[in-house]
Protein backbone atom coordinates (compact mmCIF):
# COMPACT_ATOMS: atom_id res chain seq x y z
CA MET A 1 -34.39 -31.50 19.26
CA GLY A 2 -34.07 -28.52 21.41
CA SER A 3 -30.92 -26.42 21.61
CA PRO A 4 -29.03 -27.34 24.94
CA THR A 5 -29.40 -24.45 26.52
CA GLY A 6 -33.89 -24.63 25.55
CA ARG A 7 -33.79 -21.11 23.14
CA ALA A 8 -33.59 -21.60 19.52
CA PRO A 9 -30.83 -19.65 18.09
CA LYS A 10 -31.51 -16.26 17.10
CA LEU A 11 -31.48 -16.45 13.27
CA ALA A 12 -30.42 -13.53 11.03
CA PRO A 13 -29.01 -12.87 7.05
CA PRO A 14 -25.37 -12.30 7.25
CA PRO A 15 -24.27 -8.57 7.80
CA ARG A 16 -24.96 -6.14 4.80
CA GLU A 17 -21.39 -4.75 5.40
CA ARG A 18 -19.75 -7.98 5.41
CA ARG A 19 -21.48 -8.88 1.49
CA HIS A 20 -18.81 -8.02 -0.19
CA THR A 21 -16.01 -10.64 1.93
CA LEU A 22 -18.42 -13.50 1.48
CA PHE A 23 -18.81 -12.87 -2.06
CA PHE A 24 -15.11 -12.59 -2.45
CA LEU A 25 -14.95 -16.03 -0.86
CA GLU A 26 -17.45 -17.65 -3.25
CA ALA A 27 -15.32 -16.41 -6.27
CA ILE A 28 -12.25 -17.77 -5.07
CA ARG A 29 -13.03 -21.41 -4.33
CA ASP A 30 -11.20 -22.50 -7.47
CA PHE A 31 -8.08 -21.18 -6.52
CA SER A 32 -5.55 -23.68 -5.98
CA PRO A 33 -2.98 -22.31 -3.26
CA VAL A 34 -0.11 -23.49 -1.77
CA PHE A 35 2.04 -21.88 1.33
CA LEU A 36 5.63 -21.03 1.93
CA ASP A 37 7.05 -18.96 4.46
CA THR A 38 10.56 -17.42 5.94
CA GLU A 39 11.91 -15.16 8.42
CA ILE A 40 13.27 -12.08 7.60
CA ASP A 41 16.06 -10.20 10.36
CA ALA A 42 13.98 -6.87 10.14
CA THR A 43 17.58 -5.03 11.92
CA ARG A 44 17.79 -2.46 8.70
CA LEU A 45 14.43 -1.94 8.18
CA LEU A 46 13.41 -1.06 11.59
CA ALA A 47 16.39 1.18 11.36
CA ASP A 48 15.15 2.92 8.38
CA ARG A 49 11.84 3.56 10.06
CA GLU A 50 13.39 4.99 13.47
CA ARG A 51 15.61 7.25 10.89
CA ALA A 52 11.94 8.29 9.56
CA ARG A 53 10.18 9.01 12.89
CA ALA A 54 13.39 11.14 14.01
CA ASP A 55 12.14 13.39 11.03
CA GLY A 56 8.52 12.98 11.95
CA LEU A 57 7.64 10.73 9.31
CA ARG A 58 5.14 7.46 9.90
CA ARG A 59 6.70 3.97 8.01
CA SER A 60 4.53 0.73 8.20
CA VAL A 61 5.88 -2.46 7.45
CA THR A 62 3.27 -3.24 5.34
CA GLY A 63 4.35 -0.26 2.95
CA TYR A 64 7.51 -1.70 3.31
CA VAL A 65 6.61 -5.16 1.95
CA LEU A 66 4.09 -3.31 -0.53
CA VAL A 67 7.22 -1.84 -2.00
CA ALA A 68 9.73 -4.42 -2.17
CA ALA A 69 7.03 -6.78 -3.49
CA GLY A 70 6.24 -4.61 -6.09
CA GLY A 71 9.47 -4.32 -7.15
CA VAL A 72 9.96 -7.71 -7.15
CA LEU A 73 6.83 -8.68 -9.02
CA ALA A 74 7.86 -6.15 -11.96
CA ARG A 75 10.67 -8.40 -12.45
CA HIS A 76 8.46 -11.65 -12.66
CA PRO A 77 5.95 -11.04 -15.46
CA GLU A 78 4.84 -14.96 -14.88
CA ALA A 79 3.88 -14.35 -11.34
CA ASN A 80 2.23 -11.05 -11.68
CA ALA A 81 -0.51 -12.97 -13.84
CA ALA A 82 -3.95 -14.08 -12.70
CA TYR A 83 -5.86 -17.41 -13.97
CA ARG A 84 -9.37 -18.15 -14.89
CA GLY A 85 -11.04 -21.49 -15.05
CA GLY A 86 -13.94 -22.83 -16.93
CA LEU A 87 -13.81 -24.56 -20.38
CA ARG A 88 -11.65 -22.07 -21.83
CA PRO A 89 -9.17 -21.25 -19.07
CA ARG A 90 -6.86 -17.99 -19.59
CA VAL A 91 -4.11 -16.60 -17.87
CA ALA A 92 -4.00 -12.38 -17.87
CA ARG A 93 -0.06 -11.14 -17.74
CA PHE A 94 -0.15 -7.78 -16.63
CA SER A 95 2.02 -5.18 -17.75
CA THR A 96 1.69 -2.98 -14.51
CA VAL A 97 2.05 -3.84 -10.98
CA ALA A 98 -0.67 -3.10 -8.28
CA GLY A 99 -0.50 -4.42 -4.65
CA LYS A 100 -3.90 -4.63 -2.57
CA ILE A 101 -3.80 -4.33 1.00
CA THR A 102 -6.43 -5.41 3.74
CA LEU A 103 -7.55 -3.04 6.40
CA ASP A 104 -9.04 -4.15 9.61
CA ARG A 105 -12.10 -1.29 9.72
CA THR A 106 -15.70 -0.54 11.05
CA LEU A 107 -18.21 0.20 8.65
CA ASP A 108 -21.61 1.20 10.08
CA GLY A 109 -21.05 -0.31 13.23
CA THR A 110 -19.89 -3.42 11.55
CA ARG A 111 -16.36 -4.52 11.94
CA VAL A 112 -15.31 -5.55 8.41
CA VAL A 113 -11.72 -6.38 6.09
CA LEU A 114 -11.73 -3.69 3.32
CA SER A 115 -9.01 -3.24 1.19
CA THR A 116 -7.57 -0.85 -1.23
CA VAL A 117 -5.05 -1.09 -4.09
CA VAL A 118 -1.97 0.77 -4.18
CA PRO A 119 -0.77 0.87 -8.21
CA GLU A 120 2.99 0.76 -8.95
CA PRO A 121 4.51 0.36 -5.40
CA HIS A 122 7.54 0.10 -6.15
CA THR A 123 7.76 3.08 -8.47
CA ALA A 124 5.60 5.33 -6.33
CA GLY A 125 7.84 5.23 -3.23
CA LEU A 126 7.63 4.66 0.06
CA ALA A 127 5.84 7.96 1.14
CA GLU A 128 3.07 7.77 -1.49
CA VAL A 129 2.54 4.68 -0.53
CA GLN A 130 2.27 5.34 3.00
CA ARG A 131 0.09 8.21 2.20
CA ARG A 132 -2.19 6.21 0.23
CA LEU A 133 -2.22 3.47 3.46
CA ASP A 134 -3.05 6.29 6.01
CA ARG A 135 -5.69 7.83 3.98
CA ALA A 136 -7.62 4.31 3.76
CA ARG A 137 -6.64 3.48 7.39
CA GLU A 138 -8.03 7.01 8.71
CA GLY A 139 -10.30 8.09 6.64
CA ASP A 140 -14.01 7.29 6.96
CA PRO A 141 -15.05 4.17 5.04
CA ALA A 142 -18.57 5.26 4.57
CA GLU A 143 -16.96 8.47 2.78
CA LEU A 144 -14.11 7.77 1.03
CA PRO A 145 -14.12 7.18 -2.65
CA GLU A 146 -11.47 4.09 -2.47
CA PHE A 147 -14.89 2.00 -0.64
CA ALA A 148 -17.48 3.60 -3.26
CA GLY A 149 -17.50 -0.11 -5.05
CA ILE A 150 -18.09 -1.72 -1.90
CA ARG A 151 -20.96 0.21 -0.63
CA ALA A 152 -23.08 0.17 -3.63
CA LEU A 153 -22.56 -3.36 -3.50
CA HIS A 154 -23.88 -3.94 0.23
CA ALA A 155 -27.10 -1.42 -1.40
CA LEU A 156 -28.18 -4.02 -3.75
CA PRO A 157 -30.12 -6.84 -3.30
CA TRP A 158 -28.03 -10.08 -2.00
CA LEU A 159 -28.50 -12.22 -5.40
CA ARG A 160 -27.94 -8.74 -7.37
CA GLY A 161 -24.78 -8.05 -5.55
CA ARG A 162 -23.72 -11.54 -6.15
CA ARG A 163 -24.39 -11.94 -9.90
CA ARG A 164 -22.59 -8.47 -10.20
CA PHE A 165 -19.52 -9.69 -7.89
CA ALA A 166 -18.97 -12.59 -9.92
CA ARG A 167 -19.43 -10.92 -13.25
CA ALA A 168 -16.34 -8.62 -12.13
CA ALA A 169 -14.17 -10.83 -10.40
CA ARG A 170 -14.10 -13.26 -14.22
CA ASP A 171 -13.11 -10.17 -15.76
CA LEU A 172 -9.41 -10.36 -15.90
CA THR A 173 -8.94 -6.79 -17.62
CA LEU A 174 -10.35 -5.36 -14.01
CA ARG A 175 -7.54 -7.43 -11.41
CA PRO A 176 -5.65 -4.61 -11.51
CA LEU A 177 -8.13 -2.06 -10.31
CA ILE A 178 -10.10 -4.23 -8.40
CA THR A 179 -8.03 -7.06 -6.62
CA GLY A 180 -4.39 -5.67 -7.46
CA THR A 181 -1.83 -8.19 -9.23
CA PHE A 182 -0.41 -9.35 -5.42
CA ALA A 183 -1.83 -9.05 -1.99
CA VAL A 184 -0.68 -7.81 1.49
CA THR A 185 -2.56 -8.97 4.43
CA SER A 186 -1.02 -8.44 8.00
CA LEU A 187 -2.02 -9.50 12.01
CA GLY A 188 1.58 -8.20 12.92
CA HIS A 189 -0.52 -5.74 15.14
CA ARG A 190 -1.38 -8.64 17.20
CA PRO A 191 0.77 -11.22 18.69
CA VAL A 192 0.51 -13.18 15.69
CA ASP A 193 4.00 -14.69 14.19
CA GLY A 194 2.86 -15.98 11.18
CA PHE A 195 -0.37 -17.34 9.07
CA HIS A 196 -1.46 -17.73 5.37
CA SER A 197 -4.00 -16.10 3.41
CA VAL A 198 -5.87 -16.14 0.24
CA GLY A 199 -6.34 -12.60 -1.57
CA GLY A 200 -7.40 -13.69 -4.85
CA THR A 201 -4.26 -12.97 -6.47
CA THR A 202 -1.73 -14.95 -7.80
CA ILE A 203 1.08 -14.38 -5.59
CA THR A 204 -0.29 -13.19 -1.47
CA LEU A 205 1.90 -12.27 1.63
CA GLY A 206 0.82 -12.58 4.98
CA VAL A 207 3.24 -10.50 7.42
CA GLY A 208 3.60 -11.47 11.18
CA ARG A 209 4.57 -9.61 14.15
CA ILE A 210 8.30 -8.77 14.50
CA VAL A 211 9.68 -10.08 17.86
CA GLU A 212 13.44 -10.72 18.73
CA ARG A 213 14.47 -14.18 18.10
CA PRO A 214 18.36 -15.63 18.00
CA VAL A 215 20.05 -15.37 15.19
CA VAL A 216 23.32 -16.21 13.56
CA ARG A 217 26.03 -13.51 12.65
CA ASP A 218 29.74 -13.93 11.96
CA GLY A 219 29.17 -17.80 13.73
CA ALA A 220 27.48 -16.33 16.63
CA ILE A 221 24.09 -16.71 18.03
CA VAL A 222 22.75 -13.17 18.57
CA ALA A 223 19.19 -11.28 19.38
CA ALA A 224 17.58 -9.46 16.56
CA PRO A 225 14.28 -8.24 14.88
CA VAL A 226 12.53 -11.24 12.97
CA LEU A 227 9.75 -10.99 10.82
CA ARG A 228 8.05 -13.67 9.92
CA LEU A 229 6.84 -13.34 6.21
CA SER A 230 4.49 -15.99 4.19
CA LEU A 231 3.55 -16.47 0.64
CA ALA A 232 0.34 -17.91 -0.69
CA PHE A 233 0.39 -18.86 -4.45
CA ASP A 234 -1.88 -20.23 -7.06
CA HIS A 235 -0.71 -23.30 -8.50
CA ARG A 236 -2.69 -23.15 -11.35
CA VAL A 237 -0.54 -19.90 -12.19
CA ILE A 238 3.10 -20.71 -11.50
CA ASP A 239 5.20 -23.56 -9.65
CA GLY A 240 6.97 -24.08 -6.37
CA ALA A 241 10.59 -22.63 -7.91
CA GLU A 242 9.07 -19.44 -9.14
CA ALA A 243 7.41 -18.86 -6.05
CA ALA A 244 10.46 -19.52 -3.76
CA ASP A 245 12.60 -16.73 -6.10
CA VAL A 246 9.45 -14.37 -5.26
CA LEU A 247 9.79 -14.80 -2.12
CA ALA A 248 13.91 -14.78 -1.45
CA GLU A 249 14.17 -11.90 -3.31
CA ILE A 250 11.23 -10.34 -1.33
CA ARG A 251 13.17 -11.15 1.65
CA GLU A 252 16.45 -9.99 0.58
CA ALA A 253 15.02 -6.68 -0.42
CA LEU A 254 13.57 -6.36 2.91
CA GLN A 255 16.61 -7.25 4.67
CA GLU A 256 19.08 -5.06 2.81
CA TRP A 257 16.65 -2.29 2.95
CA PRO A 258 17.82 0.07 1.71
CA ALA A 259 19.57 -1.79 -0.93
CA PRO A 260 23.40 -1.02 -0.97
CA ALA A 261 24.64 1.19 -3.48
CA GLY A 262 25.39 -1.03 -6.85
CA ALA A 263 23.80 -3.91 -6.03
CA PRO A 264 21.99 -6.00 -8.78
CA ASP A 265 18.57 -5.56 -9.88
CA ARG A 266 17.99 -9.47 -9.89
CA PRO A 267 20.07 -11.46 -7.15
CA ALA A 268 21.83 -14.79 -8.45
CA ALA A 269 19.54 -17.77 -8.70
CA ASP A 270 20.56 -20.49 -6.49
CA ALA A 271 20.33 -23.96 -7.41
CA ARG A 272 16.55 -24.39 -8.15
CA THR A 273 14.22 -27.31 -8.13
CA ALA A 274 11.06 -27.74 -9.77
CA GLY A 275 8.02 -27.48 -7.61
């Protein structure tokens, strides 16, 4: 039966520049995601960003999320981990924290998703995290060394590149370098309130836009800037209660930015239920 227009569709291989994304999607098929989300009063976060802007400094929301989440994951080694399935399943619990951030870039004329890993974002500090993000966002992806591995993968024949990516994805020792130990992805630059994404890590955070919404303060309803933050977790590694703790602590860190003097490293736990 012919096509509705009477013309056969044009068939072609996927763009070479998107191969890494297709290989990645194959590699995470056994991921077992569960999704959570919350809303964050971003008043203090935006005030801090305005103070930085007055000093001529750029601060992105994803940078704040990377720093806050890095500190929380350092306190949650159970979630700062990765799983490899098969006949001999293994769980790797990492001694370092590394945050992967996804980027909307154009490589050789094709719009693609690229990623870069920021090691120890909570100890590197917001200024260094922002420097790394700006470099990855503004530099030429055809030249930046951060994307050399992706470019090399694109240059290989399809099957060879697919096998190489699969081998690297199964090597748990490489995870902090390639995918990070947690991931942050954002669509907040568009009118997207919230979304859920699987970043190939046990914890993936999805950042939506900040928009004025009604909130309750001291018993009164007022308008405040609200950020929607989602969390996807791999149920093979942790359960819902642990994931909820992680999301709650990230929420608190962002709402109370910067942390008040004398604040405890970890908030007291509320009553918990198994997830």
